[in-house]
PDB file of N, CA and C in Angstrom:
ATOM      1  N   UNK A   1     102.825 120.061  95.155  1.00  0.00           N
ATOM      2  CA  UNK A   1     102.733 118.623  95.315  1.00  0.00           C
ATOM      3  C   UNK A   1     104.093 118.007  95.010  1.00  0.00           C
ATOM      4  N   UNK A   2     104.513 117.064  95.831  1.00  0.00           N
ATOM      5  CA  UNK A   2     105.806 116.439  95.600  1.00  0.00           C
ATOM      6  C   UNK A   2     105.692 115.437  94.456  1.00  0.00           C
ATOM      7  N   UNK A   3     106.808 115.154  93.838  1.00  0.00           N
ATOM      8  CA  UNK A   3     106.812 114.215  92.727  1.00  0.00           C
ATOM      9  C   UNK A   3     106.764 112.786  93.266  1.00  0.00           C
ATOM     10  N   UNK A   4     106.424 111.841  92.389  1.00  0.00           N
ATOM     11  CA  UNK A   4     106.401 110.443  92.805  1.00  0.00           C
ATOM     12  C   UNK A   4     107.793 110.024  93.231  1.00  0.00           C
ATOM     13  N   UNK A   5     107.890 109.451  94.388  1.00  0.00           N
ATOM     14  CA  UNK A   5     109.156 109.002  94.924  1.00  0.00           C
ATOM     15  C   UNK A   5     109.186 107.489  94.942  1.00  0.00           C
ATOM     16  N   UNK A   6     110.369 106.952  95.002  1.00  0.00           N
ATOM     17  CA  UNK A   6     110.520 105.519  95.172  1.00  0.00           C
ATOM     18  C   UNK A   6     111.396 105.277  96.394  1.00  0.00           C
ATOM     19  N   UNK A   7     111.189 104.154  97.034  1.00  0.00           N
ATOM     20  CA  UNK A   7     111.954 103.790  98.216  1.00  0.00           C
ATOM     21  C   UNK A   7     112.589 102.437  97.970  1.00  0.00           C
ATOM     22  N   UNK A   8     113.869 102.373  98.110  1.00  0.00           N
ATOM     23  CA  UNK A   8     114.595 101.123  97.948  1.00  0.00           C
ATOM     24  C   UNK A   8     114.194 100.158  99.066  1.00  0.00           C
ATOM     25  N   UNK A   9     113.921  98.898  98.716  1.00  0.00           N
ATOM     26  CA  UNK A   9     113.501  97.901  99.703  1.00  0.00           C
ATOM     27  C   UNK A   9     114.545  97.754 100.810  1.00  0.00           C
ATOM     28  N   UNK A  10     115.825  97.811 100.453  1.00  0.00           N
ATOM     29  CA  UNK A  10     116.886  97.678 101.453  1.00  0.00           C
ATOM     30  C   UNK A  10     116.849  98.831 102.445  1.00  0.00           C
ATOM     31  N   UNK A  11     116.645 100.061 101.959  1.00  0.00           N
ATOM     32  CA  UNK A  11     116.564 101.219 102.853  1.00  0.00           C
ATOM     33  C   UNK A  11     115.373 101.099 103.801  1.00  0.00           C
ATOM     34  N   UNK A  12     114.253 100.624 103.276  1.00  0.00           N
ATOM     35  CA  UNK A  12     113.060 100.443 104.100  1.00  0.00           C
ATOM     36  C   UNK A  12     113.313  99.380 105.173  1.00  0.00           C
ATOM     37  N   UNK A  13     113.977  98.290 104.791  1.00  0.00           N
ATOM     38  CA  UNK A  13     114.300  97.237 105.757  1.00  0.00           C
ATOM     39  C   UNK A  13     115.192  97.800 106.864  1.00  0.00           C
ATOM     40  N   UNK A  14     116.157  98.642 106.509  1.00  0.00           N
ATOM     41  CA  UNK A  14     117.020  99.265 107.518  1.00  0.00           C
ATOM     42  C   UNK A  14     116.206 100.141 108.470  1.00  0.00           C
ATOM     43  N   UNK A  15     115.249 100.886 107.939  1.00  0.00           N
ATOM     44  CA  UNK A  15     114.389 101.707 108.808  1.00  0.00           C
ATOM     45  C   UNK A  15     113.675 100.828 109.828  1.00  0.00           C
ATOM     46  N   UNK A  16     113.175  99.682 109.396  1.00  0.00           N
ATOM     47  CA  UNK A  16     112.494  98.766 110.310  1.00  0.00           C
ATOM     48  C   UNK A  16     113.459  98.214 111.350  1.00  0.00           C
ATOM     49  N   UNK A  17     114.658  97.821 110.903  1.00  0.00           N
ATOM     50  CA  UNK A  17     115.636  97.254 111.826  1.00  0.00           C
ATOM     51  C   UNK A  17     116.094  98.268 112.868  1.00  0.00           C
ATOM     52  N   UNK A  18     116.144  99.535 112.491  1.00  0.00           N
ATOM     53  CA  UNK A  18     116.547 100.579 113.417  1.00  0.00           C
ATOM     54  C   UNK A  18     115.379 101.049 114.278  1.00  0.00           C
ATOM     55  N   UNK A  19     114.200 100.468 114.050  1.00  0.00           N
ATOM     56  CA  UNK A  19     113.038 100.793 114.865  1.00  0.00           C
ATOM     57  C   UNK A  19     112.498 102.187 114.634  1.00  0.00           C
ATOM     58  N   UNK A  20     112.693 102.708 113.434  1.00  0.00           N
ATOM     59  CA  UNK A  20     112.194 104.047 113.134  1.00  0.00           C
ATOM     60  C   UNK A  20     110.687 103.989 112.920  1.00  0.00           C
ATOM     61  N   UNK A  21     109.934 104.626 113.792  1.00  0.00           N
ATOM     62  CA  UNK A  21     108.481 104.599 113.678  1.00  0.00           C
ATOM     63  C   UNK A  21     107.987 105.630 112.670  1.00  0.00           C
ATOM     64  N   UNK A  22     106.700 105.720 112.569  1.00  0.00           N
ATOM     65  CA  UNK A  22     106.112 106.791 111.774  1.00  0.00           C
ATOM     66  C   UNK A  22     105.923 106.491 110.304  1.00  0.00           C
ATOM     67  N   UNK A  23     105.845 105.211 109.940  1.00  0.00           N
ATOM     68  CA  UNK A  23     105.530 104.916 108.548  1.00  0.00           C
ATOM     69  C   UNK A  23     104.593 103.731 108.450  1.00  0.00           C
ATOM     70  N   UNK A  24     103.911 103.667 107.302  1.00  0.00           N
ATOM     71  CA  UNK A  24     102.950 102.609 107.019  1.00  0.00           C
ATOM     72  C   UNK A  24     103.300 101.997 105.673  1.00  0.00           C
ATOM     73  N   UNK A  25     103.207 100.677 105.582  1.00  0.00           N
ATOM     74  CA  UNK A  25     103.406  99.976 104.309  1.00  0.00           C
ATOM     75  C   UNK A  25     102.036  99.510 103.833  1.00  0.00           C
ATOM     76  N   UNK A  26     101.694  99.870 102.585  1.00  0.00           N
ATOM     77  CA  UNK A  26     100.396  99.518 102.016  1.00  0.00           C
ATOM     78  C   UNK A  26     100.598  98.591 100.820  1.00  0.00           C
ATOM     79  N   UNK A  27      99.885  97.477 100.839  1.00  0.00           N
ATOM     80  CA  UNK A  27      99.876  96.502  99.749  1.00  0.00           C
ATOM     81  C   UNK A  27      98.579  96.715  98.977  1.00  0.00           C
ATOM     82  N   UNK A  28      98.673  97.099  97.699  1.00  0.00           N
ATOM     83  CA  UNK A  28      97.469  97.393  96.922  1.00  0.00           C
ATOM     84  C   UNK A  28      97.030  96.230  96.024  1.00  0.00           C
ATOM     85  N   UNK A  29      97.620  95.057  96.257  1.00  0.00           N
ATOM     86  CA  UNK A  29      97.193  93.872  95.503  1.00  0.00           C
ATOM     87  C   UNK A  29      95.859  93.372  96.050  1.00  0.00           C
ATOM     88  N   UNK A  30      95.242  92.400  95.376  1.00  0.00           N
ATOM     89  CA  UNK A  30      93.962  91.863  95.836  1.00  0.00           C
ATOM     90  C   UNK A  30      94.147  91.028  97.105  1.00  0.00           C
ATOM     91  N   UNK A  31      93.057  90.798  97.800  1.00  0.00           N
ATOM     92  CA  UNK A  31      93.085  90.114  99.107  1.00  0.00           C
ATOM     93  C   UNK A  31      93.697  88.715  99.006  1.00  0.00           C
ATOM     94  N   UNK A  32      93.336  87.941  97.983  1.00  0.00           N
ATOM     95  CA  UNK A  32      93.868  86.580  97.844  1.00  0.00           C
ATOM     96  C   UNK A  32      95.394  86.604  97.721  1.00  0.00           C
ATOM     97  N   UNK A  33      95.912  87.488  96.881  1.00  0.00           N
ATOM     98  CA  UNK A  33      97.356  87.584  96.679  1.00  0.00           C
ATOM     99  C   UNK A  33      98.040  88.041  97.966  1.00  0.00           C
ATOM    100  N   UNK A  34      97.437  89.010  98.638  1.00  0.00           N
ATOM    101  CA  UNK A  34      97.963  89.496  99.920  1.00  0.00           C
ATOM    102  C   UNK A  34      98.032  88.363 100.941  1.00  0.00           C
ATOM    103  N   UNK A  35      96.948  87.573 101.044  1.00  0.00           N
ATOM    104  CA  UNK A  35      96.914  86.472 102.003  1.00  0.00           C
ATOM    105  C   UNK A  35      97.970  85.420 101.712  1.00  0.00           C
ATOM    106  N   UNK A  36      98.316  85.265 100.443  1.00  0.00           N
ATOM    107  CA  UNK A  36      99.325  84.275 100.058  1.00  0.00           C
ATOM    108  C   UNK A  36     100.704  84.686 100.573  1.00  0.00           C
ATOM    109  N   UNK A  37     100.993  85.975 100.562  1.00  0.00           N
ATOM    110  CA  UNK A  37     102.273  86.453 101.072  1.00  0.00           C
ATOM    111  C   UNK A  37     102.384  87.953 100.937  1.00  0.00           C
ATOM    112  N   UNK A  38     102.866  88.615 102.012  1.00  0.00           N
ATOM    113  CA  UNK A  38     103.022  90.065 101.993  1.00  0.00           C
ATOM    114  C   UNK A  38     104.115  90.482 102.970  1.00  0.00           C
ATOM    115  N   UNK A  39     104.554  91.723 102.848  1.00  0.00           N
ATOM    116  CA  UNK A  39     105.543  92.277 103.765  1.00  0.00           C
ATOM    117  C   UNK A  39     104.935  92.281 105.166  1.00  0.00           C
ATOM    118  N   UNK A  40     105.678  91.796 106.141  1.00  0.00           N
ATOM    119  CA  UNK A  40     105.196  91.761 107.519  1.00  0.00           C
ATOM    120  C   UNK A  40     104.780  93.165 107.960  1.00  0.00           C
ATOM    121  N   UNK A  41     103.558  93.251 108.462  1.00  0.00           N
ATOM    122  CA  UNK A  41     103.045  94.532 108.945  1.00  0.00           C
ATOM    123  C   UNK A  41     102.343  95.384 107.908  1.00  0.00           C
ATOM    124  N   UNK A  42     102.396  94.973 106.648  1.00  0.00           N
ATOM    125  CA  UNK A  42     101.724  95.751 105.596  1.00  0.00           C
ATOM    126  C   UNK A  42     100.213  95.637 105.753  1.00  0.00           C
ATOM    127  N   UNK A  43      99.521  96.731 105.454  1.00  0.00           N
ATOM    128  CA  UNK A  43      98.064  96.682 105.439  1.00  0.00           C
ATOM    129  C   UNK A  43      97.610  96.568 103.986  1.00  0.00           C
ATOM    130  N   UNK A  44      96.518  95.861 103.775  1.00  0.00           N
ATOM    131  CA  UNK A  44      96.034  95.610 102.423  1.00  0.00           C
ATOM    132  C   UNK A  44      94.856  96.517 102.129  1.00  0.00           C
ATOM    133  N   UNK A  45      94.999  97.332 101.088  1.00  0.00           N
ATOM    134  CA  UNK A  45      93.896  98.129 100.562  1.00  0.00           C
ATOM    135  C   UNK A  45      93.946  97.943  99.047  1.00  0.00           C
ATOM    136  N   UNK A  46      92.962  97.250  98.469  1.00  0.00           N
ATOM    137  CA  UNK A  46      92.998  97.033  97.016  1.00  0.00           C
ATOM    138  C   UNK A  46      93.062  98.365  96.265  1.00  0.00           C
ATOM    139  N   UNK A  47      93.785  98.375  95.181  1.00  0.00           N
ATOM    140  CA  UNK A  47      93.973  99.599  94.397  1.00  0.00           C
ATOM    141  C   UNK A  47      92.644 100.270  94.073  1.00  0.00           C
ATOM    142  N   UNK A  48      91.632  99.481  93.699  1.00  0.00           N
ATOM    143  CA  UNK A  48      90.351 100.076  93.307  1.00  0.00           C
ATOM    144  C   UNK A  48      89.627 100.736  94.486  1.00  0.00           C
ATOM    145  N   UNK A  49      89.995 100.397  95.719  1.00  0.00           N
ATOM    146  CA  UNK A  49      89.371 100.992  96.915  1.00  0.00           C
ATOM    147  C   UNK A  49      90.243 102.058  97.569  1.00  0.00           C
ATOM    148  N   UNK A  50      91.444 102.268  97.037  1.00  0.00           N
ATOM    149  CA  UNK A  50      92.434 103.104  97.715  1.00  0.00           C
ATOM    150  C   UNK A  50      91.965 104.536  97.932  1.00  0.00           C
ATOM    151  N   UNK A  51      91.426 105.169  96.903  1.00  0.00           N
ATOM    152  CA  UNK A  51      91.000 106.572  97.032  1.00  0.00           C
ATOM    153  C   UNK A  51      89.938 106.720  98.117  1.00  0.00           C
ATOM    154  N   UNK A  52      89.005 105.776  98.172  1.00  0.00           N
ATOM    155  CA  UNK A  52      87.914 105.836  99.140  1.00  0.00           C
ATOM    156  C   UNK A  52      88.390 105.521 100.560  1.00  0.00           C
ATOM    157  N   UNK A  53      89.226 104.492 100.723  1.00  0.00           N
ATOM    158  CA  UNK A  53      89.596 104.023 102.054  1.00  0.00           C
ATOM    159  C   UNK A  53      90.798 104.746 102.663  1.00  0.00           C
ATOM    160  N   UNK A  54      91.622 105.381 101.841  1.00  0.00           N
ATOM    161  CA  UNK A  54      92.857 105.997 102.345  1.00  0.00           C
ATOM    162  C   UNK A  54      92.597 107.033 103.427  1.00  0.00           C
ATOM    163  N   UNK A  55      91.567 107.836 103.248  1.00  0.00           N
ATOM    164  CA  UNK A  55      91.310 108.927 104.194  1.00  0.00           C
ATOM    165  C   UNK A  55      90.963 108.434 105.589  1.00  0.00           C
ATOM    166  N   UNK A  56      90.375 107.235 105.685  1.00  0.00           N
ATOM    167  CA  UNK A  56      90.038 106.708 107.005  1.00  0.00           C
ATOM    168  C   UNK A  56      91.068 105.695 107.502  1.00  0.00           C
ATOM    169  N   UNK A  57      91.772 105.021 106.587  1.00  0.00           N
ATOM    170  CA  UNK A  57      92.694 103.959 106.995  1.00  0.00           C
ATOM    171  C   UNK A  57      94.121 104.448 107.228  1.00  0.00           C
ATOM    172  N   UNK A  58      94.490 105.597 106.658  1.00  0.00           N
ATOM    173  CA  UNK A  58      95.881 106.060 106.713  1.00  0.00           C
ATOM    174  C   UNK A  58      95.983 107.426 107.387  1.00  0.00           C
ATOM    175  N   UNK A  59      97.131 107.686 107.980  1.00  0.00           N
ATOM    176  CA  UNK A  59      97.388 108.974 108.630  1.00  0.00           C
ATOM    177  C   UNK A  59      98.253 109.833 107.718  1.00  0.00           C
ATOM    178  N   UNK A  60      97.839 111.075 107.488  1.00  0.00           N
ATOM    179  CA  UNK A  60      98.570 111.957 106.577  1.00  0.00           C
ATOM    180  C   UNK A  60      99.938 112.361 107.115  1.00  0.00           C
ATOM    181  N   UNK A  61     100.160 112.234 108.436  1.00  0.00           N
ATOM    182  CA  UNK A  61     101.447 112.630 109.013  1.00  0.00           C
ATOM    183  C   UNK A  61     102.508 111.544 108.850  1.00  0.00           C
ATOM    184  N   UNK A  62     102.101 110.353 108.498  1.00  0.00           N
ATOM    185  CA  UNK A  62     103.047 109.240 108.412  1.00  0.00           C
ATOM    186  C   UNK A  62     103.633 109.117 107.001  1.00  0.00           C
ATOM    187  N   UNK A  63     104.845 108.584 106.935  1.00  0.00           N
ATOM    188  CA  UNK A  63     105.423 108.201 105.650  1.00  0.00           C
ATOM    189  C   UNK A  63     104.656 106.962 105.192  1.00  0.00           C
ATOM    190  N   UNK A  64     104.313 106.919 103.916  1.00  0.00           N
ATOM    191  CA  UNK A  64     103.576 105.775 103.377  1.00  0.00           C
ATOM    192  C   UNK A  64     104.389 105.164 102.245  1.00  0.00           C
ATOM    193  N   UNK A  65     104.623 103.867 102.364  1.00  0.00           N
ATOM    194  CA  UNK A  65     105.307 103.107 101.323  1.00  0.00           C
ATOM    195  C   UNK A  65     104.283 102.177 100.694  1.00  0.00           C
ATOM    196  N   UNK A  66     104.278 102.112  99.365  1.00  0.00           N
ATOM    197  CA  UNK A  66     103.267 101.357  98.636  1.00  0.00           C
ATOM    198  C   UNK A  66     103.935 100.349  97.709  1.00  0.00           C
ATOM    199  N   UNK A  67     103.352  99.149  97.639  1.00  0.00           N
ATOM    200  CA  UNK A  67     103.773  98.201  96.609  1.00  0.00           C
ATOM    201  C   UNK A  67     102.556  97.465  96.094  1.00  0.00           C
ATOM    202  N   UNK A  68     102.704  96.938  94.872  1.00  0.00           N
ATOM    203  CA  UNK A  68     101.600  96.229  94.240  1.00  0.00           C
ATOM    204  C   UNK A  68     102.107  95.026  93.478  1.00  0.00           C
ATOM    205  N   UNK A  69     101.271  94.537  92.575  1.00  0.00           N
ATOM    206  CA  UNK A  69     101.636  93.386  91.760  1.00  0.00           C
ATOM    207  C   UNK A  69     102.691  93.760  90.719  1.00  0.00           C
ATOM    208  N   UNK A  70     102.798  95.053  90.422  1.00  0.00           N
ATOM    209  CA  UNK A  70     103.787  95.550  89.461  1.00  0.00           C
ATOM    210  C   UNK A  70     104.197  96.957  89.881  1.00  0.00           C
ATOM    211  N   UNK A  71     105.297  97.425  89.327  1.00  0.00           N
ATOM    212  CA  UNK A  71     105.725  98.796  89.611  1.00  0.00           C
ATOM    213  C   UNK A  71     104.705  99.799  89.082  1.00  0.00           C
ATOM    214  N   UNK A  72     104.046  99.481  87.957  1.00  0.00           N
ATOM    215  CA  UNK A  72     103.014 100.369  87.420  1.00  0.00           C
ATOM    216  C   UNK A  72     101.848 100.501  88.397  1.00  0.00           C
ATOM    217  N   UNK A  73     101.461  99.381  89.011  1.00  0.00           N
ATOM    218  CA  UNK A  73     100.372  99.419  89.979  1.00  0.00           C
ATOM    219  C   UNK A  73     100.773 100.262  91.193  1.00  0.00           C
ATOM    220  N   UNK A  74     102.009 100.109  91.660  1.00  0.00           N
ATOM    221  CA  UNK A  74     102.483 100.902  92.801  1.00  0.00           C
ATOM    222  C   UNK A  74     102.535 102.386  92.438  1.00  0.00           C
ATOM    223  N   UNK A  75     103.007 102.712  91.235  1.00  0.00           N
ATOM    224  CA  UNK A  75     103.071 104.106  90.786  1.00  0.00           C
ATOM    225  C   UNK A  75     101.679 104.718  90.737  1.00  0.00           C
ATOM    226  N   UNK A  76     100.709 103.951  90.246  1.00  0.00           N
ATOM    227  CA  UNK A  76      99.323 104.415  90.194  1.00  0.00           C
ATOM    228  C   UNK A  76      98.807 104.674  91.617  1.00  0.00           C
ATOM    229  N   UNK A  77      99.123 103.794  92.551  1.00  0.00           N
ATOM    230  CA  UNK A  77      98.704 103.968  93.944  1.00  0.00           C
ATOM    231  C   UNK A  77      99.328 105.223  94.555  1.00  0.00           C
ATOM    232  N   UNK A  78     100.600 105.467  94.270  1.00  0.00           N
ATOM    233  CA  UNK A  78     101.268 106.682  94.765  1.00  0.00           C
ATOM    234  C   UNK A  78     100.540 107.915  94.238  1.00  0.00           C
ATOM    235  N   UNK A  79     100.190 107.889  92.957  1.00  0.00           N
ATOM    236  CA  UNK A  79      99.468 109.006  92.338  1.00  0.00           C
ATOM    237  C   UNK A  79      98.111 109.224  93.013  1.00  0.00           C
ATOM    238  N   UNK A  80      97.373 108.146  93.256  1.00  0.00           N
ATOM    239  CA  UNK A  80      96.068 108.248  93.927  1.00  0.00           C
ATOM    240  C   UNK A  80      96.232 108.877  95.312  1.00  0.00           C
ATOM    241  N   UNK A  81      97.232 108.428  96.055  1.00  0.00           N
ATOM    242  CA  UNK A  81      97.437 108.959  97.407  1.00  0.00           C
ATOM    243  C   UNK A  81      97.841 110.429  97.372  1.00  0.00           C
ATOM    244  N   UNK A  82      98.708 110.804  96.427  1.00  0.00           N
ATOM    245  CA  UNK A  82      99.062 112.221  96.287  1.00  0.00           C
ATOM    246  C   UNK A  82      97.821 113.054  96.009  1.00  0.00           C
ATOM    247  N   UNK A  83      96.966 112.576  95.109  1.00  0.00           N
ATOM    248  CA  UNK A  83      95.743 113.298  94.758  1.00  0.00           C
ATOM    249  C   UNK A  83      94.762 113.356  95.921  1.00  0.00           C
ATOM    250  N   UNK A  84      94.895 112.432  96.883  1.00  0.00           N
ATOM    251  CA  UNK A  84      94.029 112.405  98.066  1.00  0.00           C
ATOM    252  C   UNK A  84      94.605 113.231  99.220  1.00  0.00           C
ATOM    253  N   UNK A  85      95.735 113.908  98.966  1.00  0.00           N
ATOM    254  CA  UNK A  85      96.298 114.790  99.977  1.00  0.00           C
ATOM    255  C   UNK A  85      97.417 114.210 100.814  1.00  0.00           C
ATOM    256  N   UNK A  86      97.912 113.043 100.459  1.00  0.00           N
ATOM    257  CA  UNK A  86      99.042 112.443 101.169  1.00  0.00           C
ATOM    258  C   UNK A  86     100.332 112.885 100.486  1.00  0.00           C
ATOM    259  N   UNK A  87     101.180 113.603 101.215  1.00  0.00           N
ATOM    260  CA  UNK A  87     102.365 114.198 100.604  1.00  0.00           C
ATOM    261  C   UNK A  87     103.577 113.272 100.614  1.00  0.00           C
ATOM    262  N   UNK A  88     103.737 112.483 101.659  1.00  0.00           N
ATOM    263  CA  UNK A  88     104.955 111.683 101.826  1.00  0.00           C
ATOM    264  C   UNK A  88     104.684 110.227 101.475  1.00  0.00           C
ATOM    265  N   UNK A  89     104.622 109.953 100.168  1.00  0.00           N
ATOM    266  CA  UNK A  89     104.295 108.624  99.666  1.00  0.00           C
ATOM    267  C   UNK A  89     105.389 108.171  98.711  1.00  0.00           C
ATOM    268  N   UNK A  90     105.788 106.918  98.829  1.00  0.00           N
ATOM    269  CA  UNK A  90     106.800 106.364  97.927  1.00  0.00           C
ATOM    270  C   UNK A  90     106.429 104.946  97.539  1.00  0.00           C
ATOM    271  N   UNK A  91     106.681 104.599  96.285  1.00  0.00           N
ATOM    272  CA  UNK A  91     106.507 103.233  95.824  1.00  0.00           C
ATOM    273  C   UNK A  91     107.760 102.436  96.128  1.00  0.00           C
ATOM    274  N   UNK A  92     107.607 101.129  96.274  1.00  0.00           N
ATOM    275  CA  UNK A  92     108.743 100.234  96.501  1.00  0.00           C
ATOM    276  C   UNK A  92     108.990  99.477  95.197  1.00  0.00           C
ATOM    277  N   UNK A  93     110.018  99.888  94.425  1.00  0.00           N
ATOM    278  CA  UNK A  93     110.296  99.196  93.155  1.00  0.00           C
ATOM    279  C   UNK A  93     110.584  97.711  93.391  1.00  0.00           C
ATOM    280  N   UNK A  94     109.955  96.876  92.593  1.00  0.00           N
ATOM    281  CA  UNK A  94     110.151  95.437  92.725  1.00  0.00           C
ATOM    282  C   UNK A  94     109.215  94.797  93.731  1.00  0.00           C
ATOM    283  N   UNK A  95     108.532  95.622  94.527  1.00  0.00           N
ATOM    284  CA  UNK A  95     107.518  95.137  95.454  1.00  0.00           C
ATOM    285  C   UNK A  95     107.988  94.031  96.374  1.00  0.00           C
ATOM    286  N   UNK A  96     107.152  93.015  96.509  1.00  0.00           N
ATOM    287  CA  UNK A  96     107.415  91.915  97.426  1.00  0.00           C
ATOM    288  C   UNK A  96     108.669  91.145  97.044  1.00  0.00           C
ATOM    289  N   UNK A  97     108.921  90.980  95.754  1.00  0.00           N
ATOM    290  CA  UNK A  97     110.114  90.246  95.318  1.00  0.00           C
ATOM    291  C   UNK A  97     111.380  90.978  95.755  1.00  0.00           C
ATOM    292  N   UNK A  98     111.418  92.295  95.562  1.00  0.00           N
ATOM    293  CA  UNK A  98     112.572  93.078  95.995  1.00  0.00           C
ATOM    294  C   UNK A  98     112.743  92.985  97.504  1.00  0.00           C
ATOM    295  N   UNK A  99     111.622  93.028  98.223  1.00  0.00           N
ATOM    296  CA  UNK A  99     111.644  92.933  99.681  1.00  0.00           C
ATOM    297  C   UNK A  99     112.247  91.595 100.121  1.00  0.00           C
ATOM    298  N   UNK A 100     111.798  90.504  99.491  1.00  0.00           N
ATOM    299  CA  UNK A 100     112.339  89.169  99.830  1.00  0.00           C
ATOM    300  C   UNK A 100     113.818  89.081  99.472  1.00  0.00           C
ATOM    301  N   UNK A 101     114.221  89.722  98.372  1.00  0.00           N
ATOM    302  CA  UNK A 101     115.612  89.669  97.934  1.00  0.00           C
ATOM    303  C   UNK A 101     116.581  90.329  98.916  1.00  0.00           C
ATOM    304  N   UNK A 102     116.070  91.280  99.709  1.00  0.00           N
ATOM    305  CA  UNK A 102     116.933  91.927 100.716  1.00  0.00           C
ATOM    306  C   UNK A 102     116.742  91.279 102.089  1.00  0.00           C
ATOM    307  N   UNK A 103     115.995  90.167 102.133  1.00  0.00           N
ATOM    308  CA  UNK A 103     115.820  89.436 103.379  1.00  0.00           C
ATOM    309  C   UNK A 103     114.758  90.014 104.293  1.00  0.00           C
ATOM    310  N   UNK A 104     113.826  90.792 103.727  1.00  0.00           N
ATOM    311  CA  UNK A 104     112.758  91.368 104.530  1.00  0.00           C
ATOM    312  C   UNK A 104     111.771  90.315 104.998  1.00  0.00           C
ATOM    313  N   UNK A 105     111.203  90.515 106.173  1.00  0.00           N
ATOM    314  CA  UNK A 105     110.258  89.556 106.751  1.00  0.00           C
ATOM    315  C   UNK A 105     108.927  89.604 106.006  1.00  0.00           C
ATOM    316  N   UNK A 106     108.340  88.405 105.828  1.00  0.00           N
ATOM    317  CA  UNK A 106     107.039  88.300 105.175  1.00  0.00           C
ATOM    318  C   UNK A 106     106.124  87.421 106.017  1.00  0.00           C
ATOM    319  N   UNK A 107     104.817  87.551 105.764  1.00  0.00           N
ATOM    320  CA  UNK A 107     103.822  86.708 106.396  1.00  0.00           C
ATOM    321  C   UNK A 107     102.848  86.254 105.327  1.00  0.00           C
ATOM    322  N   UNK A 108     102.086  85.212 105.654  1.00  0.00           N
ATOM    323  CA  UNK A 108     101.108  84.694 104.722  1.00  0.00           C
ATOM    324  C   UNK A 108     101.345  83.217 104.464  1.00  0.00           C
ATOM    325  N   UNK A 109     100.503  82.638 103.619  1.00  0.00           N
ATOM    326  CA  UNK A 109     100.562  81.203 103.355  1.00  0.00           C
ATOM    327  C   UNK A 109     101.897  80.762 102.779  1.00  0.00           C
ATOM    328  N   UNK A 110     102.542  81.624 101.982  1.00  0.00           N
ATOM    329  CA  UNK A 110     103.789  81.231 101.326  1.00  0.00           C
ATOM    330  C   UNK A 110     105.025  81.684 102.097  1.00  0.00           C
ATOM    331  N   UNK A 111     104.840  82.388 103.202  1.00  0.00           N
ATOM    332  CA  UNK A 111     105.984  82.936 103.948  1.00  0.00           C
ATOM    333  C   UNK A 111     106.803  81.861 104.623  1.00  0.00           C
TER     334      UNK A 111
END
């Protein structure tokens, strides 16, 4: 099993700008917080539902980037996904704030 990885928000933004396919961004915050603002294109799966929903909502062949309300929440989500058989998972340190700081696109009520 690979160790917990982290992905710099700037590097992820560059991947999007270069049109590199094959990855999914998962927001593990609650629905209300997600609706208020999230990374453009991120899918929302609450942390408490992640283990159950990951197998049907996510593809094991894709790179998965995860962020939450805190780095601890993202780290926990990475651990859950690893335990569910997803090998290529990374947390995004700083989450949505880090993403906004590098000029990443967001959607939602506050975007």
